[in-house]
Amino acid sequence: MIDFNASFQWNDRNRIPQNIVRAQKYLDSQVLKDTDKYVPMRTGILAKSGILGTRIGSGEIEYTAPYAKKLYYGVNIRFSKSRHPLACAKWFEASKAVNKRSWLMEVRRISGGR
């Protein structure tokens, strides 16, 4: 049995087709927007850390609040539902379960895919 791993990385962002760049920017922005209602909310700093910690177009969403990881994987943590009724641990996964299809459809449209 042969193990094989492959990865693809653009070394020159200027050579990435513009429709792909636009699609990635859309996806990053839309994930943050759609996921917000699943992010636990007390002061709003956790959600804002996702906006501030993310470089739109990078393909990586990062919540930089010091307690973000603890809340994301929260075991035995009760989330207040008063400001965000859908707040939960693993908020990206919850949002993806609801929004993945629409995200993919729009990314395909923007990128020129089928």
Protein backbone atom coordinates (compact mmCIF):
# COMPACT_ATOMS: atom_id res chain seq x y z
CA MET A 1 0.00 0.00 0.00
CA ILE A 2 1.35 3.39 -0.97
CA ASP A 3 0.48 6.51 0.97
CA PHE A 4 0.20 9.58 -1.17
CA ASN A 5 -0.48 13.15 -0.14
CA ALA A 6 -0.75 16.05 -2.52
CA SER A 7 -1.32 19.71 -2.01
CA PHE A 8 -1.84 22.61 -4.32
CA GLN A 9 -0.65 26.09 -3.46
CA TRP A 10 -0.52 29.27 -5.48
CA ASN A 11 2.86 30.90 -4.99
CA ASP A 12 1.90 34.05 -6.87
CA ARG A 13 -1.50 35.48 -5.90
CA ASN A 14 -1.36 37.77 -8.93
CA ARG A 15 -1.65 34.73 -11.19
CA ILE A 16 -4.82 33.39 -9.60
CA PRO A 17 -7.75 34.03 -11.95
CA GLN A 18 -9.83 36.98 -10.72
CA ASN A 19 -13.07 34.99 -10.69
CA ILE A 20 -11.47 32.59 -8.19
CA VAL A 21 -10.27 35.50 -6.03
CA ARG A 22 -13.80 37.00 -6.06
CA ALA A 23 -15.34 33.64 -5.20
CA GLN A 24 -13.00 33.19 -2.22
CA LYS A 25 -13.70 36.71 -0.97
CA TYR A 26 -17.43 36.07 -1.27
CA LEU A 27 -17.16 32.78 0.61
CA ASP A 28 -15.08 34.21 3.45
CA SER A 29 -17.45 37.17 3.88
CA GLN A 30 -20.60 35.06 3.64
CA VAL A 31 -19.34 32.47 6.12
CA LEU A 32 -18.69 35.22 8.67
CA LYS A 33 -22.08 36.80 8.01
CA ASP A 34 -24.11 33.57 8.09
CA THR A 35 -22.22 32.14 11.05
CA ASP A 36 -22.64 35.19 13.27
CA LYS A 37 -26.02 34.08 14.63
CA TYR A 38 -24.46 30.82 15.90
CA VAL A 39 -21.59 32.56 17.72
CA PRO A 40 -22.19 32.92 21.46
CA MET A 41 -22.87 36.56 22.29
CA ARG A 42 -22.33 38.34 25.55
CA THR A 43 -20.41 41.50 24.63
CA GLY A 44 -19.93 40.92 20.90
CA ILE A 45 -16.15 40.70 21.16
CA LEU A 46 -16.04 37.03 20.11
CA ALA A 47 -17.92 37.70 16.87
CA LYS A 48 -15.87 40.84 16.22
CA SER A 49 -12.68 38.83 16.72
CA GLY A 50 -13.77 36.69 13.76
CA ILE A 51 -14.05 39.78 11.58
CA LEU A 52 -10.78 41.29 12.80
CA GLY A 53 -8.90 37.98 12.73
CA THR A 54 -9.86 37.12 9.16
CA ARG A 55 -8.18 38.39 6.02
CA ILE A 56 -11.04 38.24 3.51
CA GLY A 57 -9.93 36.19 0.53
CA SER A 58 -7.41 34.09 2.45
CA GLY A 59 -9.75 31.12 2.80
CA GLU A 60 -9.24 31.02 6.56
CA ILE A 61 -11.68 32.32 9.15
CA GLU A 62 -10.04 32.90 12.53
CA TYR A 63 -11.68 33.96 15.78
CA THR A 64 -8.83 35.54 17.72
CA ALA A 65 -10.46 36.19 21.10
CA PRO A 66 -8.39 34.39 23.77
CA TYR A 67 -11.39 32.29 24.82
CA ALA A 68 -12.61 31.46 21.29
CA LYS A 69 -11.17 27.93 21.21
CA LYS A 70 -12.62 27.08 24.62
CA LEU A 71 -16.07 28.25 23.56
CA TYR A 72 -15.86 26.66 20.10
CA TYR A 73 -15.16 23.22 21.53
CA GLY A 74 -17.21 24.04 24.63
CA VAL A 75 -18.06 21.01 26.66
CA ASN A 76 -20.45 21.63 29.52
CA ILE A 77 -20.63 25.34 28.68
CA ARG A 78 -24.08 26.84 28.67
CA PHE A 79 -24.55 29.56 26.11
CA SER A 80 -26.91 32.43 26.72
CA LYS A 81 -29.62 32.37 24.09
CA SER A 82 -30.96 35.85 24.89
CA ARG A 83 -29.05 37.68 22.12
CA HIS A 84 -28.34 34.80 19.76
CA PRO A 85 -30.98 32.07 20.12
CA LEU A 86 -28.95 29.72 17.88
CA ALA A 87 -25.66 30.16 19.78
CA CYS A 88 -23.76 26.90 20.21
CA ALA A 89 -20.36 25.28 20.31
CA LYS A 90 -18.85 24.48 16.89
CA TRP A 91 -20.73 27.43 15.41
CA PHE A 92 -19.09 27.06 11.99
CA GLU A 93 -20.28 23.46 11.71
CA ALA A 94 -23.82 24.53 12.68
CA SER A 95 -23.79 27.28 10.06
CA LYS A 96 -22.28 25.01 7.41
CA ALA A 97 -25.03 22.44 7.95
CA VAL A 98 -27.61 25.09 7.07
CA ASN A 99 -25.76 27.19 4.47
CA LYS A 100 -23.31 24.94 2.63
CA ARG A 101 -25.53 24.41 -0.40
CA SER A 102 -26.14 28.14 -0.98
CA TRP A 103 -22.44 28.92 -0.41
CA LEU A 104 -21.41 26.35 -3.01
CA MET A 105 -24.00 27.47 -5.54
CA GLU A 106 -22.85 31.09 -5.32
CA VAL A 107 -19.15 30.17 -5.42
CA ARG A 108 -19.80 28.14 -8.57
CA ARG A 109 -21.68 31.04 -10.13
CA ILE A 110 -18.96 33.60 -9.29
CA SER A 111 -16.09 31.35 -10.34
CA GLY A 112 -17.72 30.40 -13.61
CA GLY A 113 -18.19 26.78 -12.60
CA ARG A 114 -21.23 24.72 -13.38
